[in-house]
PDB file of N, CA and C in Angstrom:
ATOM      1  N   UNK A   1      41.159 -67.638  74.853  1.00  0.00           N
ATOM      2  CA  UNK A   1      41.449 -66.451  74.671  1.00  0.00           C
ATOM      3  C   UNK A   1      42.534 -66.404  76.530  1.00  0.00           C
ATOM      4  N   UNK A   2      43.047 -65.358  76.247  1.00  0.00           N
ATOM      5  CA  UNK A   2      44.338 -65.002  77.273  1.00  0.00           C
ATOM      6  C   UNK A   2      44.255 -64.130  78.417  1.00  0.00           C
ATOM      7  N   UNK A   3      43.703 -64.717  79.499  1.00  0.00           N
ATOM      8  CA  UNK A   3      42.991 -64.006  81.008  1.00  0.00           C
ATOM      9  C   UNK A   3      44.120 -63.021  80.912  1.00  0.00           C
ATOM     10  N   UNK A   4      42.840 -61.816  81.390  1.00  0.00           N
ATOM     11  CA  UNK A   4      43.408 -60.524  81.631  1.00  0.00           C
ATOM     12  C   UNK A   4      43.645 -60.329  83.282  1.00  0.00           C
ATOM     13  N   UNK A   5      45.774 -60.403  83.659  1.00  0.00           N
ATOM     14  CA  UNK A   5      45.920 -60.450  84.526  1.00  0.00           C
ATOM     15  C   UNK A   5      46.578 -58.825  84.903  1.00  0.00           C
ATOM     16  N   UNK A   6      45.788 -58.834  86.083  1.00  0.00           N
ATOM     17  CA  UNK A   6      45.838 -57.385  86.283  1.00  0.00           C
ATOM     18  C   UNK A   6      46.832 -57.086  87.455  1.00  0.00           C
ATOM     19  N   UNK A   7      47.750 -56.211  86.890  1.00  0.00           N
ATOM     20  CA  UNK A   7      48.821 -55.979  87.686  1.00  0.00           C
ATOM     21  C   UNK A   7      49.076 -55.136  89.534  1.00  0.00           C
ATOM     22  N   UNK A   8      47.295 -55.095  89.550  1.00  0.00           N
ATOM     23  CA  UNK A   8      47.280 -54.815  90.817  1.00  0.00           C
ATOM     24  C   UNK A   8      47.717 -56.355  91.874  1.00  0.00           C
ATOM     25  N   UNK A   9      46.470 -56.930  90.458  1.00  0.00           N
ATOM     26  CA  UNK A   9      46.645 -58.370  91.619  1.00  0.00           C
ATOM     27  C   UNK A   9      47.709 -59.692  91.287  1.00  0.00           C
ATOM     28  N   UNK A  10      48.638 -58.950  90.643  1.00  0.00           N
ATOM     29  CA  UNK A  10      50.112 -59.652  90.555  1.00  0.00           C
ATOM     30  C   UNK A  10      50.875 -59.157  92.213  1.00  0.00           C
ATOM     31  N   UNK A  11      50.665 -57.755  91.623  1.00  0.00           N
ATOM     32  CA  UNK A  11      51.043 -57.184  93.544  1.00  0.00           C
ATOM     33  C   UNK A  11      51.071 -57.896  94.272  1.00  0.00           C
ATOM     34  N   UNK A  12      49.511 -58.551  94.688  1.00  0.00           N
ATOM     35  CA  UNK A  12      48.870 -58.954  96.175  1.00  0.00           C
ATOM     36  C   UNK A  12      49.615 -60.669  95.827  1.00  0.00           C
ATOM     37  N   UNK A  13      49.335 -60.928  95.091  1.00  0.00           N
ATOM     38  CA  UNK A  13      50.368 -61.872  94.854  1.00  0.00           C
ATOM     39  C   UNK A  13      51.466 -62.208  95.632  1.00  0.00           C
ATOM     40  N   UNK A  14      52.863 -61.128  95.133  1.00  0.00           N
ATOM     41  CA  UNK A  14      53.454 -60.911  95.682  1.00  0.00           C
ATOM     42  C   UNK A  14      53.986 -60.490  96.615  1.00  0.00           C
ATOM     43  N   UNK A  15      52.562 -59.572  96.677  1.00  0.00           N
ATOM     44  CA  UNK A  15      52.938 -59.626  98.535  1.00  0.00           C
ATOM     45  C   UNK A  15      52.253 -60.487  99.688  1.00  0.00           C
ATOM     46  N   UNK A  16      51.888 -61.868  99.084  1.00  0.00           N
ATOM     47  CA  UNK A  16      51.328 -62.702  99.822  1.00  0.00           C
ATOM     48  C   UNK A  16      52.642 -63.686  99.967  1.00  0.00           C
ATOM     49  N   UNK A  17      53.165 -63.370  98.932  1.00  0.00           N
ATOM     50  CA  UNK A  17      54.637 -64.372  98.454  1.00  0.00           C
ATOM     51  C   UNK A  17      55.799 -63.978  99.799  1.00  0.00           C
ATOM     52  N   UNK A  18      55.633 -62.659  99.834  1.00  0.00           N
ATOM     53  CA  UNK A  18      56.411 -62.019 100.834  1.00  0.00           C
ATOM     54  C   UNK A  18      56.310 -61.968 102.378  1.00  0.00           C
ATOM     55  N   UNK A  19      54.817 -62.219 102.634  1.00  0.00           N
ATOM     56  CA  UNK A  19      54.457 -62.839 103.894  1.00  0.00           C
ATOM     57  C   UNK A  19      54.813 -64.799 104.197  1.00  0.00           C
ATOM     58  N   UNK A  20      54.763 -65.716 103.165  1.00  0.00           N
ATOM     59  CA  UNK A  20      55.311 -65.997 103.943  1.00  0.00           C
ATOM     60  C   UNK A  20      56.681 -66.593 103.224  1.00  0.00           C
ATOM     61  N   UNK A  21      57.430 -65.379 102.663  1.00  0.00           N
ATOM     62  CA  UNK A  21      58.806 -65.281 102.929  1.00  0.00           C
ATOM     63  C   UNK A  21      59.304 -65.180 104.239  1.00  0.00           C
ATOM     64  N   UNK A  22      58.847 -63.752 104.969  1.00  0.00           N
ATOM     65  CA  UNK A  22      58.995 -63.657 106.601  1.00  0.00           C
ATOM     66  C   UNK A  22      58.492 -64.696 107.447  1.00  0.00           C
ATOM     67  N   UNK A  23      57.437 -65.377 107.195  1.00  0.00           N
ATOM     68  CA  UNK A  23      57.210 -65.990 108.167  1.00  0.00           C
ATOM     69  C   UNK A  23      57.995 -67.801 108.267  1.00  0.00           C
ATOM     70  N   UNK A  24      58.693 -68.012 106.869  1.00  0.00           N
ATOM     71  CA  UNK A  24      59.334 -69.260 107.040  1.00  0.00           C
ATOM     72  C   UNK A  24      60.620 -69.185 106.628  1.00  0.00           C
ATOM     73  N   UNK A  25      61.422 -67.871 106.577  1.00  0.00           N
ATOM     74  CA  UNK A  25      62.594 -67.592 107.071  1.00  0.00           C
ATOM     75  C   UNK A  25      63.826 -68.412 107.500  1.00  0.00           C
ATOM     76  N   UNK A  26      62.760 -67.726 108.662  1.00  0.00           N
ATOM     77  CA  UNK A  26      63.967 -67.925 109.716  1.00  0.00           C
ATOM     78  C   UNK A  26      63.016 -69.126 110.676  1.00  0.00           C
ATOM     79  N   UNK A  27      63.562 -70.281 110.772  1.00  0.00           N
ATOM     80  CA  UNK A  27      63.594 -71.465 112.395  1.00  0.00           C
ATOM     81  C   UNK A  27      62.875 -70.795 113.284  1.00  0.00           C
ATOM     82  N   UNK A  28      63.259 -69.637 113.562  1.00  0.00           N
ATOM     83  CA  UNK A  28      62.553 -69.205 115.066  1.00  0.00           C
ATOM     84  C   UNK A  28      61.312 -69.365 114.952  1.00  0.00           C
ATOM     85  N   UNK A  29      60.762 -68.583 113.722  1.00  0.00           N
ATOM     86  CA  UNK A  29      59.563 -68.383 113.306  1.00  0.00           C
ATOM     87  C   UNK A  29      58.553 -69.264 113.610  1.00  0.00           C
ATOM     88  N   UNK A  30      58.965 -70.601 113.608  1.00  0.00           N
ATOM     89  CA  UNK A  30      58.428 -71.706 113.382  1.00  0.00           C
ATOM     90  C   UNK A  30      57.768 -71.958 114.842  1.00  0.00           C
ATOM     91  N   UNK A  31      56.333 -71.369 115.395  1.00  0.00           N
ATOM     92  CA  UNK A  31      55.773 -71.460 116.335  1.00  0.00           C
ATOM     93  C   UNK A  31      54.591 -71.237 116.418  1.00  0.00           C
ATOM     94  N   UNK A  32      53.396 -71.579 117.289  1.00  0.00           N
ATOM     95  CA  UNK A  32      51.880 -71.906 116.835  1.00  0.00           C
ATOM     96  C   UNK A  32      51.035 -70.624 116.986  1.00  0.00           C
ATOM     97  N   UNK A  33      52.129 -69.967 117.716  1.00  0.00           N
ATOM     98  CA  UNK A  33      51.690 -68.062 117.672  1.00  0.00           C
ATOM     99  C   UNK A  33      51.546 -67.401 116.575  1.00  0.00           C
ATOM    100  N   UNK A  34      52.939 -67.730 115.803  1.00  0.00           N
ATOM    101  CA  UNK A  34      53.177 -67.011 114.936  1.00  0.00           C
ATOM    102  C   UNK A  34      52.546 -68.002 113.351  1.00  0.00           C
ATOM    103  N   UNK A  35      52.070 -69.415 113.805  1.00  0.00           N
ATOM    104  CA  UNK A  35      51.049 -69.644 112.557  1.00  0.00           C
ATOM    105  C   UNK A  35      49.888 -69.313 112.863  1.00  0.00           C
ATOM    106  N   UNK A  36      49.104 -69.418 113.949  1.00  0.00           N
ATOM    107  CA  UNK A  36      48.031 -68.877 113.805  1.00  0.00           C
ATOM    108  C   UNK A  36      47.597 -67.379 113.318  1.00  0.00           C
ATOM    109  N   UNK A  37      48.364 -66.356 113.611  1.00  0.00           N
ATOM    110  CA  UNK A  37      48.562 -65.649 113.395  1.00  0.00           C
ATOM    111  C   UNK A  37      49.002 -65.127 112.048  1.00  0.00           C
ATOM    112  N   UNK A  38      49.471 -65.748 111.353  1.00  0.00           N
ATOM    113  CA  UNK A  38      50.014 -65.623 110.169  1.00  0.00           C
ATOM    114  C   UNK A  38      48.390 -66.177 109.142  1.00  0.00           C
ATOM    115  N   UNK A  39      47.805 -67.280 109.424  1.00  0.00           N
ATOM    116  CA  UNK A  39      46.681 -67.433 108.743  1.00  0.00           C
ATOM    117  C   UNK A  39      45.817 -67.094 109.323  1.00  0.00           C
ATOM    118  N   UNK A  40      45.118 -65.824 110.602  1.00  0.00           N
ATOM    119  CA  UNK A  40      44.307 -65.175 110.603  1.00  0.00           C
ATOM    120  C   UNK A  40      44.486 -64.002 109.909  1.00  0.00           C
ATOM    121  N   UNK A  41      45.593 -63.134 109.917  1.00  0.00           N
ATOM    122  CA  UNK A  41      45.806 -62.365 109.008  1.00  0.00           C
ATOM    123  C   UNK A  41      46.055 -62.245 107.947  1.00  0.00           C
ATOM    124  N   UNK A  42      46.178 -63.548 107.213  1.00  0.00           N
ATOM    125  CA  UNK A  42      46.554 -63.659 105.611  1.00  0.00           C
ATOM    126  C   UNK A  42      46.057 -64.499 104.994  1.00  0.00           C
ATOM    127  N   UNK A  43      44.291 -65.325 105.809  1.00  0.00           N
ATOM    128  CA  UNK A  43      43.589 -66.441 105.531  1.00  0.00           C
ATOM    129  C   UNK A  43      42.776 -65.726 104.433  1.00  0.00           C
ATOM    130  N   UNK A  44      42.032 -64.659 104.405  1.00  0.00           N
ATOM    131  CA  UNK A  44      41.364 -64.098 103.479  1.00  0.00           C
ATOM    132  C   UNK A  44      41.880 -63.591 102.530  1.00  0.00           C
ATOM    133  N   UNK A  45      42.905 -63.048 102.289  1.00  0.00           N
ATOM    134  CA  UNK A  45      43.610 -62.957 101.035  1.00  0.00           C
ATOM    135  C   UNK A  45      43.978 -64.404 100.401  1.00  0.00           C
ATOM    136  N   UNK A  46      44.702 -64.922 100.937  1.00  0.00           N
ATOM    137  CA  UNK A  46      44.592 -66.527 100.064  1.00  0.00           C
ATOM    138  C   UNK A  46      43.466 -67.402  99.285  1.00  0.00           C
ATOM    139  N   UNK A  47      42.711 -67.042 100.388  1.00  0.00           N
ATOM    140  CA  UNK A  47      41.059 -67.476  99.815  1.00  0.00           C
ATOM    141  C   UNK A  47      40.632 -66.708  98.444  1.00  0.00           C
ATOM    142  N   UNK A  48      40.673 -65.380  98.980  1.00  0.00           N
ATOM    143  CA  UNK A  48      40.088 -64.963  97.393  1.00  0.00           C
ATOM    144  C   UNK A  48      40.895 -64.984  96.777  1.00  0.00           C
ATOM    145  N   UNK A  49      42.358 -65.188  96.716  1.00  0.00           N
ATOM    146  CA  UNK A  49      43.373 -65.321  95.035  1.00  0.00           C
ATOM    147  C   UNK A  49      43.150 -66.544  94.851  1.00  0.00           C
ATOM    148  N   UNK A  50      43.647 -67.336  95.726  1.00  0.00           N
ATOM    149  CA  UNK A  50      43.375 -68.578  94.993  1.00  0.00           C
ATOM    150  C   UNK A  50      41.755 -69.399  94.507  1.00  0.00           C
ATOM    151  N   UNK A  51      40.743 -69.002  94.793  1.00  0.00           N
ATOM    152  CA  UNK A  51      39.693 -69.353  94.229  1.00  0.00           C
ATOM    153  C   UNK A  51      39.022 -68.178  93.694  1.00  0.00           C
ATOM    154  N   UNK A  52      39.553 -67.252  93.656  1.00  0.00           N
ATOM    155  CA  UNK A  52      39.013 -66.074  92.378  1.00  0.00           C
ATOM    156  C   UNK A  52      39.774 -65.815  91.659  1.00  0.00           C
ATOM    157  N   UNK A  53      41.040 -65.078  91.913  1.00  0.00           N
ATOM    158  CA  UNK A  53      41.955 -64.667  91.120  1.00  0.00           C
ATOM    159  C   UNK A  53      42.756 -65.010  90.525  1.00  0.00           C
ATOM    160  N   UNK A  54      43.596 -65.999  91.184  1.00  0.00           N
ATOM    161  CA  UNK A  54      44.796 -67.273  89.963  1.00  0.00           C
ATOM    162  C   UNK A  54      43.919 -68.021  89.673  1.00  0.00           C
ATOM    163  N   UNK A  55      42.649 -68.020  90.403  1.00  0.00           N
ATOM    164  CA  UNK A  55      41.870 -69.497  89.344  1.00  0.00           C
ATOM    165  C   UNK A  55      41.596 -69.019  87.677  1.00  0.00           C
ATOM    166  N   UNK A  56      41.324 -68.002  87.730  1.00  0.00           N
ATOM    167  CA  UNK A  56      40.990 -66.859  86.607  1.00  0.00           C
ATOM    168  C   UNK A  56      41.849 -66.901  85.842  1.00  0.00           C
ATOM    169  N   UNK A  57      43.157 -67.208  86.085  1.00  0.00           N
ATOM    170  CA  UNK A  57      44.052 -66.775  85.155  1.00  0.00           C
ATOM    171  C   UNK A  57      44.418 -67.849  84.502  1.00  0.00           C
ATOM    172  N   UNK A  58      43.736 -69.255  85.028  1.00  0.00           N
ATOM    173  CA  UNK A  58      43.980 -70.670  83.835  1.00  0.00           C
ATOM    174  C   UNK A  58      43.473 -70.674  83.070  1.00  0.00           C
ATOM    175  N   UNK A  59      43.585 -70.958  82.019  1.00  0.00           N
ATOM    176  CA  UNK A  59      42.729 -71.745  81.108  1.00  0.00           C
ATOM    177  C   UNK A  59      41.911 -72.745  81.318  1.00  0.00           C
ATOM    178  N   UNK A  60      40.756 -72.645  80.520  1.00  0.00           N
ATOM    179  CA  UNK A  60      39.750 -73.922  81.233  1.00  0.00           C
ATOM    180  C   UNK A  60      40.106 -74.850  81.100  1.00  0.00           C
ATOM    181  N   UNK A  61      40.856 -75.499  80.303  1.00  0.00           N
ATOM    182  CA  UNK A  61      41.577 -77.071  80.275  1.00  0.00           C
ATOM    183  C   UNK A  61      42.921 -76.800  81.781  1.00  0.00           C
ATOM    184  N   UNK A  62      43.041 -76.083  81.749  1.00  0.00           N
ATOM    185  CA  UNK A  62      44.058 -76.034  83.059  1.00  0.00           C
ATOM    186  C   UNK A  62      43.731 -76.078  83.997  1.00  0.00           C
ATOM    187  N   UNK A  63      42.063 -75.546  83.993  1.00  0.00           N
ATOM    188  CA  UNK A  63      41.388 -76.070  85.278  1.00  0.00           C
ATOM    189  C   UNK A  63      40.750 -76.866  85.369  1.00  0.00           C
ATOM    190  N   UNK A  64      40.503 -78.038  84.247  1.00  0.00           N
ATOM    191  CA  UNK A  64      39.537 -78.758  84.487  1.00  0.00           C
ATOM    192  C   UNK A  64      40.798 -80.011  84.277  1.00  0.00           C
ATOM    193  N   UNK A  65      41.744 -80.026  84.070  1.00  0.00           N
ATOM    194  CA  UNK A  65      42.660 -80.749  84.502  1.00  0.00           C
ATOM    195  C   UNK A  65      43.443 -80.326  86.251  1.00  0.00           C
ATOM    196  N   UNK A  66      43.221 -80.029  86.400  1.00  0.00           N
ATOM    197  CA  UNK A  66      43.161 -79.767  88.339  1.00  0.00           C
ATOM    198  C   UNK A  66      42.150 -79.819  88.917  1.00  0.00           C
ATOM    199  N   UNK A  67      40.863 -79.831  88.504  1.00  0.00           N
ATOM    200  CA  UNK A  67      39.288 -80.278  89.266  1.00  0.00           C
ATOM    201  C   UNK A  67      39.634 -82.142  88.889  1.00  0.00           C
ATOM    202  N   UNK A  68      40.118 -83.077  87.809  1.00  0.00           N
ATOM    203  CA  UNK A  68      40.345 -83.780  87.758  1.00  0.00           C
ATOM    204  C   UNK A  68      41.055 -84.712  89.025  1.00  0.00           C
ATOM    205  N   UNK A  69      42.112 -84.127  88.915  1.00  0.00           N
ATOM    206  CA  UNK A  69      43.386 -84.562  90.090  1.00  0.00           C
ATOM    207  C   UNK A  69      42.519 -83.961  91.499  1.00  0.00           C
ATOM    208  N   UNK A  70      41.809 -83.811  91.752  1.00  0.00           N
ATOM    209  CA  UNK A  70      40.625 -83.784  92.752  1.00  0.00           C
ATOM    210  C   UNK A  70      39.894 -84.794  93.552  1.00  0.00           C
TER     211      UNK A  70
END
Protein backbone atom coordinates (compact mmCIF):
# COMPACT_ATOMS: atom_id res chain seq x y z
CA UNK A 1 0.00 0.00 0.00
CA UNK A 2 1.35 3.40 -0.99
CA UNK A 3 1.55 6.00 1.77
CA UNK A 4 -0.75 9.00 1.51
CA UNK A 5 1.39 12.09 1.12
CA UNK A 6 -0.58 15.14 2.12
CA UNK A 7 0.10 18.34 0.15
CA UNK A 8 0.26 20.24 3.46
CA UNK A 9 3.14 18.02 4.61
CA UNK A 10 4.99 18.50 1.32
CA UNK A 11 4.71 22.26 1.83
CA UNK A 12 6.08 21.87 5.37
CA UNK A 13 9.11 20.00 4.04
CA UNK A 14 9.57 22.62 1.32
CA UNK A 15 9.40 25.46 3.88
CA UNK A 16 12.03 23.73 6.02
CA UNK A 17 14.30 23.25 3.00
CA UNK A 18 13.81 26.92 2.18
CA UNK A 19 14.95 27.86 5.70
CA UNK A 20 18.00 25.59 5.35
CA UNK A 21 18.78 27.14 1.96
CA UNK A 22 18.58 30.65 3.43
CA UNK A 23 20.97 29.71 6.24
CA UNK A 24 23.58 27.99 4.07
CA UNK A 25 23.29 30.13 0.92
CA UNK A 26 25.83 32.72 2.06
CA UNK A 27 28.98 31.88 4.06
CA UNK A 28 28.51 35.18 5.92
CA UNK A 29 25.57 33.48 7.65
CA UNK A 30 27.85 30.85 9.23
CA UNK A 31 27.89 32.18 12.76
CA UNK A 32 27.17 30.31 15.97
CA UNK A 33 24.40 32.81 16.70
CA UNK A 34 22.69 32.06 13.38
CA UNK A 35 23.07 28.30 13.83
CA UNK A 36 21.71 28.47 17.36
CA UNK A 37 18.76 30.61 16.28
CA UNK A 38 18.08 28.26 13.37
CA UNK A 39 18.05 25.27 15.71
CA UNK A 40 15.78 26.93 18.23
CA UNK A 41 13.34 28.05 15.54
CA UNK A 42 13.36 24.91 13.39
CA UNK A 43 14.18 21.87 15.51
CA UNK A 44 10.59 21.11 16.56
CA UNK A 45 9.58 21.02 12.89
CA UNK A 46 12.66 18.97 11.92
CA UNK A 47 11.86 16.47 14.67
CA UNK A 48 8.23 16.05 13.68
CA UNK A 49 8.93 15.82 9.96
CA UNK A 50 11.76 13.32 10.48
CA UNK A 51 10.12 11.02 13.02
CA UNK A 52 6.49 11.23 11.98
CA UNK A 53 5.82 12.66 8.55
CA UNK A 54 8.63 11.55 6.25
CA UNK A 55 9.11 8.29 8.14
CA UNK A 56 5.51 7.37 7.38
CA UNK A 57 6.04 8.09 3.68
CA UNK A 58 8.45 5.14 3.60
CA UNK A 59 7.41 1.57 3.04
CA UNK A 60 7.95 -0.94 5.82
CA UNK A 61 10.83 -2.39 3.80
CA UNK A 62 12.49 1.03 3.51
CA UNK A 63 12.00 1.66 7.22
CA UNK A 64 13.63 -1.69 8.00
CA UNK A 65 16.59 -0.89 5.74
CA UNK A 66 17.12 2.37 7.60
CA UNK A 67 16.85 0.67 10.99
CA UNK A 68 19.44 -1.93 9.92
CA UNK A 69 21.94 0.84 9.11
CA UNK A 70 21.76 2.23 12.65
